[in-house]
Amino acid sequence: MDVLLKNNKGLKILTDTGFSEFKGLIEKSIQQLLCVNLTKSNIKCTPDHKVFLDNLSSKESKDLNVGDKVYTSYGIDLVVSIDNIEPEKVYDVFDVKNNNRFYANNILIKNCEFLIYDETLISSLVLAEMVGKSPIINMGQTRWYKKPNAKYNYAVALDPAMGTGGNYSAIQVIELPTYEQVGEWQHNTTAVPGQIRVLKDICQYIADECRTGGSNIYWSVENNGLGEAALLVINDFGEENIPGLFVSEPIRKGHVRKFRKGFNTTHSSKVTTCARLKSMVENRQLTVNSKSLLSELKAFVATNSSFAAKQGYTDDLVSAILLSLRMIDIIKDWDPAIYNSYSQIDSEQEYEMPMPIFISSNY
C-alpha cells in the first residue's frame, strides 16, 4: 500500500525556476526501473517517468532514444544509453508548488502520474490518504460494503445510461445520517429497464434487511436526456413496486421547464453539489468505501468552469454520488437527524481549487 510521508520540515526542491515547496513523498512499492545515462549524469526511474527534452517537451523514459537532447541543470545533455536495472522501491514527490517540473540528479523531470497533474475536485493530499476496501457481499454487479441496518435510512441514486457498451450507468447507496457509502452498482451493457430492476432489487434488499425497524428508503434518478426514458420505464414498472419514496427536486419559482420527477442536472446545480462533495470528503463527513469510486475521484478534474472525468476515464460513480447529495439536500427537510447533521456542512464556503500533483518515480 502507498504511504504518504508529509514534508513537515519545510524542505524545498529545485525546479527550473528556483527552489519550490512540496507537500511530501509517496512511498510506493518495488517497481521495475530503467537507468537513463547521459554524458554527465544519469537517473533511475520507472518506464513511464517523464523526462524533458531541450525544447521542454517531455517523453516517457521508455520512449527515449540514444542521441535525444535532454534538459539538465548544467545545460543540454545527450542520452548515451538506456538500461534495464533491478527493481527497487520508489518515491513520488507530492505537490510541488508553482511548477510542473523539477530536477532529480540534475535532470529536469515531470512526475509519472500517481493521481494526475490536473486540478482535482478533492484535495490531492486527502485523495492520497484515502484507501478503499473490498465489498463484503457481491450480488450480481452490486457491491455491498456494509449490510443495511434498521437503525438507519438510505438514499439510493441512479445515474442512467444507454446500456449499449459505452457510458456506464451507476447506482450509489448512502446510509443516513452517517453519510457512509454502503452499496454501489455500475454496468455499461444493462438497458434502461434492467437498470430500474436493479434499482428495485437494491431497495428491496434494504427493505428486507430492515423490516424489523423503522428505516426509510429514498430513491431517485437523474432525468436529463436518457433519464426521461428511465422515467417512462418507472411509470410502466409502477413506482409503487419499488420500496421507498421517489424523491424529486421541487419546482422552482419562475421555472418554465415542464416538471419531471427526479433531478435535472444543470451547470449551476453540478458546481454547487461538487462543492458540497468536496467539503464532505475533505472534512471526513462522507465515507467512501469503494475503490472504484476512489479511482474516479482521482480523475475527476477541473474542466472549463466545471468538473468532469479526465479524458480516458469515467465519472459515472461520481455522478451518482452527486445525485445522492442532491437527494439528501431535499430529504433533510423531512428528517430532523439528517437536517441537523447535513446543515452543519458549509456548502457555501469560498471554493479554492486544489493544488496540482507531480510524481517522481525517484527522489
Protein backbone atom coordinates (compact mmCIF):
# COMPACT_ATOMS: atom_id res chain seq x y z
CA MET A 1 0.00 0.00 0.00
CA ASP A 2 1.24 3.52 -0.78
CA VAL A 3 2.32 5.54 2.27
CA LEU A 4 2.18 9.33 2.48
CA LEU A 5 5.27 10.92 4.07
CA LYS A 6 4.46 14.56 4.75
CA ASN A 7 7.10 17.25 4.42
CA ASN A 8 6.83 18.70 7.93
CA LYS A 9 10.29 20.33 7.92
CA GLY A 10 9.70 22.89 5.19
CA LEU A 11 12.15 21.25 2.76
CA LYS A 12 12.22 22.58 -0.81
CA ILE A 13 13.01 21.03 -4.17
CA LEU A 14 14.95 22.58 -7.06
CA THR A 15 12.95 23.46 -10.16
CA ASP A 16 13.98 25.29 -13.31
CA THR A 17 12.58 28.50 -11.76
CA GLY A 18 14.25 28.11 -8.35
CA PHE A 19 13.52 26.18 -5.17
CA SER A 20 9.86 25.32 -4.56
CA GLU A 21 7.90 23.95 -1.64
CA PHE A 22 6.42 20.46 -1.85
CA LYS A 23 3.98 18.63 0.42
CA GLY A 24 5.82 15.34 0.81
CA LEU A 25 6.61 11.96 -0.70
CA ILE A 26 4.56 8.90 -1.57
CA GLU A 27 6.41 5.73 -0.61
CA LYS A 28 5.40 3.21 -3.24
CA SER A 29 6.03 -0.45 -3.94
CA ILE A 30 9.04 -2.08 -5.58
CA GLN A 31 8.87 -1.40 -9.32
CA GLN A 32 10.84 -2.19 -12.47
CA LEU A 33 13.33 0.56 -13.30
CA LEU A 34 15.33 1.98 -16.17
CA CYS A 35 18.62 3.84 -15.92
CA VAL A 36 18.82 6.74 -18.39
CA ASN A 37 22.50 7.58 -18.91
CA LEU A 38 23.63 10.98 -20.19
CA THR A 39 27.21 12.07 -20.86
CA LYS A 40 27.47 13.75 -17.43
CA SER A 41 24.70 12.25 -15.27
CA ASN A 42 22.05 9.54 -15.07
CA ILE A 43 18.70 8.91 -13.47
CA LYS A 44 16.95 5.76 -12.28
CA CYS A 45 13.23 5.90 -12.96
CA THR A 46 10.14 3.89 -13.86
CA PRO A 47 9.44 3.35 -17.60
CA ASP A 48 6.54 5.85 -17.55
CA HIS A 49 8.59 8.55 -15.84
CA LYS A 50 8.72 11.74 -17.95
CA VAL A 51 11.97 13.50 -18.90
CA PHE A 52 12.12 16.96 -20.50
CA LEU A 53 13.88 17.43 -23.82
CA ASP A 54 15.77 20.53 -24.93
CA ASN A 55 12.57 22.16 -26.28
CA LEU A 56 10.78 21.47 -22.95
CA SER A 57 8.52 18.84 -24.45
CA SER A 58 8.54 15.60 -22.46
CA LYS A 59 8.96 11.91 -23.20
CA GLU A 60 8.40 8.85 -21.06
CA SER A 61 11.76 7.28 -20.28
CA LYS A 62 10.84 4.08 -22.16
CA ASP A 63 10.38 6.17 -25.34
CA LEU A 64 13.74 7.97 -25.17
CA ASN A 65 16.31 7.23 -27.87
CA VAL A 66 20.07 7.42 -27.87
CA GLY A 67 21.01 10.91 -29.05
CA ASP A 68 17.92 12.62 -27.62
CA LYS A 69 18.78 16.04 -26.16
CA VAL A 70 17.75 16.31 -22.51
CA TYR A 71 17.30 19.44 -20.38
CA THR A 72 19.55 19.49 -17.28
CA SER A 73 20.65 21.97 -14.61
CA TYR A 74 24.01 22.36 -16.38
CA GLY A 75 22.63 22.74 -19.91
CA ILE A 76 21.59 20.37 -22.69
CA ASP A 77 22.98 16.83 -22.49
CA LEU A 78 22.67 13.75 -24.70
CA VAL A 79 21.22 10.32 -23.96
CA VAL A 80 24.01 7.79 -24.47
CA SER A 81 22.26 4.61 -23.28
CA ILE A 82 19.14 3.29 -21.54
CA ASP A 83 19.47 0.16 -19.42
CA ASN A 84 17.04 -2.10 -17.59
CA ILE A 85 18.09 -2.39 -13.95
CA GLU A 86 16.94 -4.28 -10.87
CA PRO A 87 13.56 -3.30 -9.36
CA GLU A 88 13.63 -1.01 -6.32
CA LYS A 89 11.19 0.77 -4.02
CA VAL A 90 10.33 4.18 -5.45
CA TYR A 91 9.19 7.50 -4.00
CA ASP A 92 6.90 10.04 -5.65
CA VAL A 93 7.34 13.75 -4.96
CA PHE A 94 3.95 15.11 -3.93
CA ASP A 95 2.51 18.56 -4.71
CA VAL A 96 5.38 20.70 -5.99
CA LYS A 97 4.24 24.30 -5.62
CA ASN A 98 4.02 26.71 -8.57
CA ASN A 99 5.77 24.45 -11.05
CA ASN A 100 5.16 21.32 -13.08
CA ARG A 101 8.77 20.13 -13.30
CA PHE A 102 11.84 19.80 -11.09
CA TYR A 103 15.38 18.43 -11.10
CA ALA A 104 16.36 14.94 -9.98
CA ASN A 105 20.09 14.23 -10.20
CA ASN A 106 20.45 17.36 -12.38
CA ILE A 107 17.89 16.12 -14.95
CA LEU A 108 14.66 18.08 -15.47
CA ILE A 109 11.72 15.73 -14.96
CA LYS A 110 7.98 15.52 -14.61
CA ASN A 111 6.24 13.10 -12.31
CA CYS A 112 4.84 9.86 -13.56
CA GLU A 113 1.25 10.41 -12.52
CA PHE A 114 0.15 8.82 -9.24
CA LEU A 115 -3.06 10.76 -9.38
CA ILE A 116 -2.91 13.29 -12.20
CA TYR A 117 -1.33 16.63 -12.93
CA ASP A 118 -4.64 18.38 -13.03
CA GLU A 119 -6.85 20.32 -10.64
CA THR A 120 -8.76 17.57 -8.85
CA LEU A 121 -12.02 18.43 -7.12
CA ILE A 122 -10.89 16.72 -3.92
CA SER A 123 -7.61 17.85 -2.33
CA SER A 124 -4.72 15.74 -3.60
CA LEU A 125 -3.45 15.19 -0.04
CA VAL A 126 -6.83 13.85 1.04
CA LEU A 127 -7.03 11.57 -2.02
CA ALA A 128 -3.55 10.21 -1.30
CA GLU A 129 -4.58 9.18 2.21
CA MET A 130 -7.90 7.57 1.21
CA VAL A 131 -7.99 3.78 0.90
CA GLY A 132 -10.97 1.83 -0.41
CA LYS A 133 -11.95 -1.62 0.76
CA SER A 134 -13.29 -4.80 -0.75
CA PRO A 135 -17.04 -5.43 -0.67
CA ILE A 136 -18.38 -7.81 1.98
CA ILE A 137 -21.14 -9.03 -0.35
CA ASN A 138 -21.45 -9.15 -4.15
CA MET A 139 -24.97 -9.52 -5.53
CA GLY A 140 -24.51 -9.75 -9.26
CA GLN A 141 -22.89 -6.44 -10.21
CA THR A 142 -23.95 -4.80 -6.94
CA ARG A 143 -21.20 -4.38 -4.36
CA TRP A 144 -22.15 -4.04 -0.69
CA TYR A 145 -19.59 -2.63 1.75
CA LYS A 146 -21.90 -2.80 4.78
CA LYS A 147 -25.17 -4.62 5.42
CA PRO A 148 -28.27 -2.42 5.74
CA ASN A 149 -29.25 -1.74 9.34
CA ALA A 150 -32.72 -0.92 10.62
CA LYS A 151 -31.29 1.97 12.69
CA TYR A 152 -30.52 3.99 9.56
CA ASN A 153 -32.20 5.45 6.49
CA TYR A 154 -30.90 5.07 2.94
CA ALA A 155 -30.59 7.21 -0.19
CA VAL A 156 -30.39 5.26 -3.46
CA ALA A 157 -29.42 7.26 -6.57
CA LEU A 158 -29.41 6.06 -10.19
CA ASP A 159 -27.46 7.82 -12.94
CA PRO A 160 -28.83 6.04 -16.06
CA ALA A 161 -27.02 5.32 -19.34
CA MET A 162 -27.86 3.80 -22.70
CA GLY A 163 -26.59 0.32 -21.81
CA THR A 164 -25.02 -0.36 -25.20
CA GLY A 165 -21.40 -0.75 -24.07
CA GLY A 166 -20.48 2.93 -23.96
CA ASN A 167 -21.13 5.05 -20.89
CA TYR A 168 -21.80 3.29 -17.60
CA SER A 169 -24.99 3.54 -15.61
CA ALA A 170 -24.37 3.70 -11.87
CA ILE A 171 -26.20 3.46 -8.56
CA GLN A 172 -24.90 4.67 -5.20
CA VAL A 173 -26.36 3.79 -1.80
CA ILE A 174 -25.69 6.18 1.10
CA GLU A 175 -26.50 5.37 4.73
CA LEU A 176 -28.10 8.24 6.66
CA PRO A 177 -27.29 10.11 8.82
CA THR A 178 -23.82 8.51 8.91
CA TYR A 179 -23.17 9.56 5.27
CA GLU A 180 -21.35 6.32 4.56
CA GLN A 181 -21.27 4.77 1.09
CA VAL A 182 -22.57 1.25 1.74
CA GLY A 183 -23.53 -0.03 -1.72
CA GLU A 184 -22.73 0.52 -5.39
CA TRP A 185 -23.66 -0.77 -8.83
CA GLN A 186 -22.10 0.02 -12.21
CA HIS A 187 -22.60 -1.52 -15.64
CA ASN A 188 -22.47 -0.45 -19.29
CA THR A 189 -24.48 -3.17 -21.06
CA THR A 190 -27.63 -3.15 -18.95
CA ALA A 191 -30.52 -1.46 -20.78
CA VAL A 192 -32.71 1.08 -19.00
CA PRO A 193 -35.43 -1.43 -17.98
CA GLY A 194 -32.71 -3.58 -16.43
CA GLN A 195 -31.30 -0.57 -14.58
CA ILE A 196 -34.70 0.08 -13.00
CA ARG A 197 -34.95 -3.59 -11.98
CA VAL A 198 -31.53 -3.33 -10.31
CA LEU A 199 -32.69 -0.16 -8.53
CA LYS A 200 -35.79 -2.03 -7.34
CA ASP A 201 -33.73 -5.04 -6.20
CA ILE A 202 -31.39 -2.80 -4.19
CA CYS A 203 -34.30 -1.05 -2.48
CA GLN A 204 -35.98 -4.41 -1.86
CA TYR A 205 -32.81 -5.82 -0.28
CA ILE A 206 -32.61 -2.83 2.08
CA ALA A 207 -36.32 -3.20 2.94
CA ASP A 208 -35.93 -6.92 3.65
CA GLU A 209 -32.86 -6.41 5.84
CA CYS A 210 -34.53 -3.57 7.77
CA ARG A 211 -38.07 -4.94 8.00
CA THR A 212 -37.98 -5.08 11.82
CA GLY A 213 -37.07 -1.39 12.15
CA GLY A 214 -38.26 1.97 11.01
CA SER A 215 -35.82 2.59 8.14
CA ASN A 216 -36.85 4.91 5.36
CA ILE A 217 -35.66 4.30 1.81
CA TYR A 218 -35.39 7.26 -0.56
CA TRP A 219 -34.62 6.71 -4.23
CA SER A 220 -34.36 8.81 -7.37
CA VAL A 221 -32.91 9.10 -10.88
CA GLU A 222 -31.30 11.80 -12.94
CA ASN A 223 -33.87 12.88 -15.54
CA ASN A 224 -31.58 14.58 -18.08
CA GLY A 225 -31.63 13.13 -21.59
CA LEU A 226 -31.75 9.36 -21.17
CA GLY A 227 -33.25 9.90 -17.73
CA GLU A 228 -36.57 10.62 -19.45
CA ALA A 229 -36.53 7.03 -20.72
CA ALA A 230 -35.91 5.86 -17.15
CA LEU A 231 -38.99 7.80 -16.01
CA LEU A 232 -41.11 6.09 -18.67
CA VAL A 233 -39.84 2.69 -17.51
CA ILE A 234 -40.59 3.59 -13.88
CA ASN A 235 -44.10 4.61 -14.91
CA ASP A 236 -44.62 1.28 -16.73
CA PHE A 237 -42.95 -0.67 -13.93
CA GLY A 238 -45.06 1.01 -11.30
CA GLU A 239 -43.50 3.47 -8.87
CA GLU A 240 -45.36 1.67 -6.06
CA ASN A 241 -43.47 -1.55 -6.83
CA ILE A 242 -40.16 -0.01 -5.80
CA PRO A 243 -39.82 0.07 -1.99
CA GLY A 244 -39.34 3.53 -0.55
CA LEU A 245 -40.14 7.08 -1.61
CA PHE A 246 -39.35 8.51 -5.05
CA VAL A 247 -37.60 11.84 -4.32
CA SER A 248 -37.77 14.73 -6.79
CA GLU A 249 -36.42 18.26 -6.77
CA PRO A 250 -39.14 20.83 -6.05
CA ILE A 251 -40.49 23.13 -8.73
CA ARG A 252 -38.58 26.41 -8.53
CA LYS A 253 -40.33 29.76 -8.75
CA GLY A 254 -40.16 31.10 -12.28
CA HIS A 255 -39.06 27.73 -13.65
CA VAL A 256 -40.53 27.30 -17.14
CA ARG A 257 -39.38 23.71 -17.83
CA LYS A 258 -42.15 21.12 -17.70
CA PHE A 259 -41.92 19.36 -14.35
CA ARG A 260 -40.49 15.86 -14.41
CA LYS A 261 -39.85 13.60 -11.46
CA GLY A 262 -36.24 13.01 -10.44
CA PHE A 263 -33.42 15.53 -10.68
CA ASN A 264 -32.32 17.65 -13.62
CA THR A 265 -28.60 18.42 -13.63
CA THR A 266 -27.61 21.91 -14.76
CA HIS A 267 -24.21 23.59 -14.74
CA SER A 268 -25.19 25.51 -11.63
CA SER A 269 -26.52 22.50 -9.72
CA LYS A 270 -23.46 20.43 -10.63
CA VAL A 271 -20.95 23.06 -9.49
CA THR A 272 -22.85 23.62 -6.23
CA THR A 273 -23.05 19.90 -5.49
CA CYS A 274 -19.38 19.41 -6.39
CA ALA A 275 -18.54 21.99 -3.72
CA ARG A 276 -20.68 20.04 -1.26
CA LEU A 277 -18.94 16.76 -2.16
CA LYS A 278 -15.52 18.36 -1.77
CA SER A 279 -16.39 19.72 1.66
CA MET A 280 -17.86 16.45 2.92
CA VAL A 281 -14.98 14.27 1.72
CA GLU A 282 -12.20 16.59 2.87
CA ASN A 283 -13.84 17.04 6.29
CA ARG A 284 -14.36 13.28 6.64
CA GLN A 285 -18.13 13.75 6.72
CA LEU A 286 -18.71 11.36 3.82
CA THR A 287 -17.13 7.89 3.99
CA VAL A 288 -16.05 6.50 0.61
CA ASN A 289 -15.60 2.72 0.75
CA SER A 290 -15.42 1.85 -2.95
CA LYS A 291 -12.05 1.52 -4.64
CA SER A 292 -13.78 2.18 -7.97
CA LEU A 293 -15.30 5.44 -6.74
CA LEU A 294 -11.96 6.50 -5.25
CA SER A 295 -10.31 5.85 -8.61
CA GLU A 296 -12.89 8.05 -10.35
CA LEU A 297 -12.40 10.83 -7.79
CA LYS A 298 -8.66 10.84 -8.58
CA ALA A 299 -9.51 11.55 -12.21
CA PHE A 300 -12.38 13.99 -11.57
CA VAL A 301 -10.78 17.27 -12.58
CA ALA A 302 -11.48 20.90 -13.38
CA THR A 303 -12.83 21.25 -16.93
CA ASN A 304 -13.54 24.80 -18.06
CA SER A 305 -15.85 26.14 -15.32
CA SER A 306 -16.99 22.76 -14.02
CA PHE A 307 -15.63 19.29 -13.25
CA ALA A 308 -15.60 16.07 -15.26
CA ALA A 309 -13.57 12.92 -15.78
CA LYS A 310 -10.14 13.32 -17.29
CA GLN A 311 -10.04 12.11 -20.91
CA GLY A 312 -9.96 8.32 -20.97
CA TYR A 313 -11.59 7.97 -17.54
CA THR A 314 -15.20 7.66 -16.35
CA ASP A 315 -17.17 9.62 -13.74
CA ASP A 316 -20.47 7.73 -13.57
CA LEU A 317 -19.98 6.67 -9.95
CA VAL A 318 -19.15 10.27 -9.06
CA SER A 319 -22.29 11.46 -10.88
CA ALA A 320 -24.40 9.03 -8.85
CA ILE A 321 -22.81 10.30 -5.62
CA LEU A 322 -23.55 13.89 -6.66
CA LEU A 323 -27.18 12.89 -7.29
CA SER A 324 -27.39 11.27 -3.85
CA LEU A 325 -26.18 14.51 -2.23
CA ARG A 326 -28.86 16.49 -4.07
CA MET A 327 -31.42 13.97 -2.80
CA ILE A 328 -30.18 14.38 0.77
CA ASP A 329 -30.49 18.14 0.45
CA ILE A 330 -34.24 17.58 -0.11
CA ILE A 331 -34.61 14.74 2.43
CA LYS A 332 -33.12 16.85 5.23
CA ASP A 333 -36.31 18.93 5.32
CA TRP A 334 -38.26 15.82 6.33
CA ASP A 335 -35.78 14.18 8.71
CA PRO A 336 -34.54 16.14 11.76
CA ALA A 337 -31.47 13.89 12.24
CA ILE A 338 -30.36 14.47 8.66
CA TYR A 339 -31.20 18.18 8.86
CA ASN A 340 -29.11 18.69 11.99
CA SER A 341 -26.04 16.87 10.62
CA TYR A 342 -26.26 17.95 6.99
CA SER A 343 -26.83 21.61 7.76
CA GLN A 344 -23.52 21.76 9.62
CA ILE A 345 -21.68 21.20 6.35
CA ASP A 346 -20.93 24.62 4.90
CA SER A 347 -21.53 24.23 1.19
CA GLU A 348 -21.43 27.97 0.70
CA GLN A 349 -17.78 28.35 1.71
CA GLU A 350 -15.49 30.04 -0.78
CA TYR A 351 -14.12 27.40 -3.14
CA GLU A 352 -10.38 27.13 -3.64
CA MET A 353 -9.03 24.95 -6.40
CA PRO A 354 -6.87 22.09 -5.12
CA MET A 355 -3.13 22.04 -5.66
CA PRO A 356 -1.81 20.07 -8.65
CA ILE A 357 0.22 16.89 -8.21
CA PHE A 358 3.58 15.87 -9.59
CA ILE A 359 5.06 12.49 -9.16
CA SER A 360 8.62 11.40 -9.43
CA SER A 361 9.50 7.76 -9.55
CA ASN A 362 12.69 8.51 -7.64
CA TYR A 363 13.69 11.20 -5.21
